[in-house]
Amino acid sequence: MGINSESDITANIQIGPTDLGMVRIYVQGEGVDLPMDFDPEEAIEIAEELMAAAEAARGMGAKPKKPRR
């Protein structure tokens, strides 16, 4: 499965600091419990990548269809 593949899988995501000074991204879904810990610098890089992807996606939004005549 790639970035552009659609899926019917649903999951929950939680993001927060741990008591060890890490940033945890926790993904939970059917048959999946995936905690991922990052140091603060890595977490900032991930946040910057998310922001850049969001800006790119905003520019690619569904284009309005031309009305039929």
N, C-alpha and C. Protein backbone atom coordinates (compact mmCIF):
# COMPACT_ATOMS: atom_id res chain seq x y z
N MET A 1 0.85 -1.17 0.00
CA MET A 1 0.00 0.00 0.00
C MET A 1 0.89 1.23 0.00
N GLY A 2 0.56 2.17 -0.86
CA GLY A 2 1.35 3.39 -0.96
C GLY A 2 0.58 4.60 -0.46
N ILE A 3 1.20 5.73 -0.57
CA ILE A 3 0.62 7.00 -0.12
C ILE A 3 -0.71 7.28 -0.80
N ASN A 4 -0.84 6.96 -2.08
CA ASN A 4 -2.06 7.27 -2.82
C ASN A 4 -3.09 6.15 -2.83
N SER A 5 -2.84 5.06 -2.12
CA SER A 5 -3.79 3.96 -2.07
C SER A 5 -4.86 4.24 -1.02
N GLU A 6 -6.12 4.12 -1.42
CA GLU A 6 -7.20 4.31 -0.47
C GLU A 6 -7.39 3.05 0.35
N SER A 7 -7.95 3.19 1.55
CA SER A 7 -8.13 2.06 2.44
C SER A 7 -9.40 2.26 3.26
N ASP A 8 -10.00 1.15 3.65
CA ASP A 8 -11.17 1.20 4.53
C ASP A 8 -10.76 0.99 5.99
N ILE A 9 -9.47 0.90 6.24
CA ILE A 9 -8.99 0.68 7.59
C ILE A 9 -9.17 1.96 8.40
N THR A 10 -9.68 1.81 9.61
CA THR A 10 -9.81 2.96 10.50
C THR A 10 -8.83 2.79 11.66
N ALA A 11 -8.33 3.89 12.15
CA ALA A 11 -7.38 3.86 13.26
C ALA A 11 -7.50 5.16 14.05
N ASN A 12 -7.04 5.09 15.26
CA ASN A 12 -6.95 6.27 16.12
C ASN A 12 -5.50 6.65 16.26
N ILE A 13 -5.24 7.94 16.41
CA ILE A 13 -3.87 8.41 16.61
C ILE A 13 -3.85 9.34 17.82
N GLN A 14 -2.86 9.15 18.65
CA GLN A 14 -2.63 10.02 19.80
C GLN A 14 -1.20 10.50 19.73
N ILE A 15 -0.98 11.76 20.09
CA ILE A 15 0.36 12.34 20.06
C ILE A 15 0.56 13.09 21.36
N GLY A 16 1.69 12.84 22.02
CA GLY A 16 1.96 13.56 23.25
C GLY A 16 3.34 13.25 23.78
N PRO A 17 3.73 13.98 24.83
CA PRO A 17 5.05 13.77 25.43
C PRO A 17 5.03 12.56 26.37
N THR A 18 6.17 11.89 26.49
CA THR A 18 6.30 10.81 27.46
C THR A 18 7.03 11.35 28.69
N ASP A 19 7.01 10.55 29.74
CA ASP A 19 7.71 10.99 30.97
C ASP A 19 9.22 10.88 30.84
N LEU A 20 9.70 10.35 29.71
CA LEU A 20 11.14 10.26 29.46
C LEU A 20 11.63 11.35 28.50
N GLY A 21 10.77 12.35 28.21
CA GLY A 21 11.18 13.46 27.36
C GLY A 21 11.13 13.17 25.87
N MET A 22 10.40 12.13 25.49
CA MET A 22 10.23 11.79 24.09
C MET A 22 8.85 12.24 23.64
N VAL A 23 8.63 12.27 22.34
CA VAL A 23 7.31 12.54 21.79
C VAL A 23 6.80 11.22 21.22
N ARG A 24 5.63 10.79 21.68
CA ARG A 24 5.08 9.52 21.22
C ARG A 24 3.92 9.77 20.26
N ILE A 25 4.00 9.10 19.13
CA ILE A 25 2.87 9.00 18.20
C ILE A 25 2.37 7.57 18.37
N TYR A 26 1.13 7.44 18.79
CA TYR A 26 0.56 6.13 19.08
C TYR A 26 -0.61 5.89 18.13
N VAL A 27 -0.51 4.83 17.35
CA VAL A 27 -1.55 4.47 16.38
C VAL A 27 -2.20 3.18 16.85
N GLN A 28 -3.52 3.19 16.92
CA GLN A 28 -4.25 2.00 17.36
C GLN A 28 -5.39 1.74 16.39
N GLY A 29 -5.45 0.52 15.91
CA GLY A 29 -6.52 0.12 15.01
C GLY A 29 -6.78 -1.36 15.17
N GLU A 30 -7.59 -1.90 14.30
CA GLU A 30 -7.92 -3.32 14.39
C GLU A 30 -6.65 -4.16 14.22
N GLY A 31 -6.23 -4.83 15.29
CA GLY A 31 -5.05 -5.66 15.24
C GLY A 31 -3.73 -4.90 15.26
N VAL A 32 -3.77 -3.60 15.53
CA VAL A 32 -2.53 -2.79 15.50
C VAL A 32 -2.47 -1.91 16.74
N ASP A 33 -1.39 -2.02 17.47
CA ASP A 33 -1.03 -1.10 18.54
C ASP A 33 0.41 -0.69 18.26
N LEU A 34 0.60 0.54 17.79
CA LEU A 34 1.92 0.94 17.32
C LEU A 34 2.39 2.22 18.01
N PRO A 35 3.17 2.09 19.09
CA PRO A 35 3.76 3.28 19.71
C PRO A 35 5.09 3.60 19.02
N MET A 36 5.28 4.85 18.66
CA MET A 36 6.53 5.29 18.03
C MET A 36 7.04 6.50 18.82
N ASP A 37 8.24 6.37 19.36
CA ASP A 37 8.83 7.44 20.16
C ASP A 37 9.92 8.15 19.37
N PHE A 38 9.92 9.49 19.48
CA PHE A 38 10.88 10.33 18.77
C PHE A 38 11.46 11.33 19.74
N ASP A 39 12.74 11.68 19.53
CA ASP A 39 13.28 12.76 20.35
C ASP A 39 12.66 14.06 19.85
N PRO A 40 12.69 15.11 20.65
CA PRO A 40 12.03 16.36 20.27
C PRO A 40 12.45 16.90 18.90
N GLU A 41 13.73 16.79 18.56
CA GLU A 41 14.18 17.31 17.26
C GLU A 41 13.55 16.53 16.11
N GLU A 42 13.48 15.20 16.26
CA GLU A 42 12.83 14.38 15.23
C GLU A 42 11.35 14.74 15.12
N ALA A 43 10.72 14.96 16.27
CA ALA A 43 9.30 15.30 16.27
C ALA A 43 9.05 16.62 15.54
N ILE A 44 9.95 17.58 15.71
CA ILE A 44 9.82 18.86 15.01
C ILE A 44 9.97 18.65 13.51
N GLU A 45 10.90 17.80 13.10
CA GLU A 45 11.06 17.50 11.67
C GLU A 45 9.80 16.86 11.10
N ILE A 46 9.21 15.94 11.87
CA ILE A 46 7.96 15.29 11.43
C ILE A 46 6.85 16.33 11.30
N ALA A 47 6.76 17.22 12.29
CA ALA A 47 5.73 18.27 12.25
C ALA A 47 5.92 19.17 11.03
N GLU A 48 7.16 19.49 10.70
CA GLU A 48 7.43 20.33 9.52
C GLU A 48 7.03 19.59 8.24
N GLU A 49 7.30 18.28 8.18
CA GLU A 49 6.91 17.49 7.01
C GLU A 49 5.39 17.42 6.89
N LEU A 50 4.69 17.28 8.02
CA LEU A 50 3.23 17.28 8.00
C LEU A 50 2.68 18.62 7.49
N MET A 51 3.27 19.71 7.96
CA MET A 51 2.82 21.04 7.51
C MET A 51 3.05 21.21 6.02
N ALA A 52 4.21 20.78 5.53
CA ALA A 52 4.51 20.90 4.10
C ALA A 52 3.55 20.04 3.28
N ALA A 53 3.26 18.84 3.76
CA ALA A 53 2.33 17.96 3.04
C ALA A 53 0.92 18.55 3.04
N ALA A 54 0.52 19.15 4.16
CA ALA A 54 -0.81 19.77 4.23
C ALA A 54 -0.93 20.93 3.25
N GLU A 55 0.11 21.74 3.17
CA GLU A 55 0.11 22.86 2.21
C GLU A 55 0.05 22.35 0.78
N ALA A 56 0.81 21.30 0.48
CA ALA A 56 0.79 20.72 -0.87
C ALA A 56 -0.58 20.14 -1.18
N ALA A 57 -1.17 19.45 -0.20
CA ALA A 57 -2.49 18.85 -0.41
C ALA A 57 -3.55 19.92 -0.61
N ARG A 58 -3.42 21.03 0.11
CA ARG A 58 -4.38 22.13 -0.03
C ARG A 58 -4.40 22.62 -1.47
N GLY A 59 -3.24 22.65 -2.10
CA GLY A 59 -3.13 23.09 -3.49
C GLY A 59 -3.64 22.06 -4.48
N MET A 60 -3.78 20.81 -4.05
CA MET A 60 -4.23 19.74 -4.95
C MET A 60 -5.69 19.39 -4.76
N GLY A 61 -6.39 20.11 -3.93
CA GLY A 61 -7.78 19.78 -3.61
C GLY A 61 -8.61 19.48 -4.83
N ALA A 62 -9.72 18.80 -4.60
CA ALA A 62 -10.60 18.43 -5.71
C ALA A 62 -10.99 19.68 -6.50
N LYS A 63 -10.76 19.60 -7.77
CA LYS A 63 -11.09 20.73 -8.64
C LYS A 63 -12.58 20.67 -8.97
N PRO A 64 -13.26 21.82 -8.98
CA PRO A 64 -14.69 21.82 -9.30
C PRO A 64 -14.92 21.35 -10.72
N LYS A 65 -15.97 20.55 -10.87
CA LYS A 65 -16.31 20.05 -12.20
C LYS A 65 -17.00 21.15 -12.99
N LYS A 66 -16.78 21.15 -14.28
CA LYS A 66 -17.45 22.14 -15.14
C LYS A 66 -18.92 21.76 -15.25
N PRO A 67 -19.81 22.75 -15.17
CA PRO A 67 -21.24 22.44 -15.30
C PRO A 67 -21.57 21.95 -16.72
N ARG A 68 -22.51 21.01 -16.75
CA ARG A 68 -22.96 20.52 -18.05
C ARG A 68 -23.95 21.48 -18.65
N ARG A 69 -23.95 21.57 -19.98
CA ARG A 69 -24.90 22.45 -20.65
C ARG A 69 -25.87 21.64 -21.43
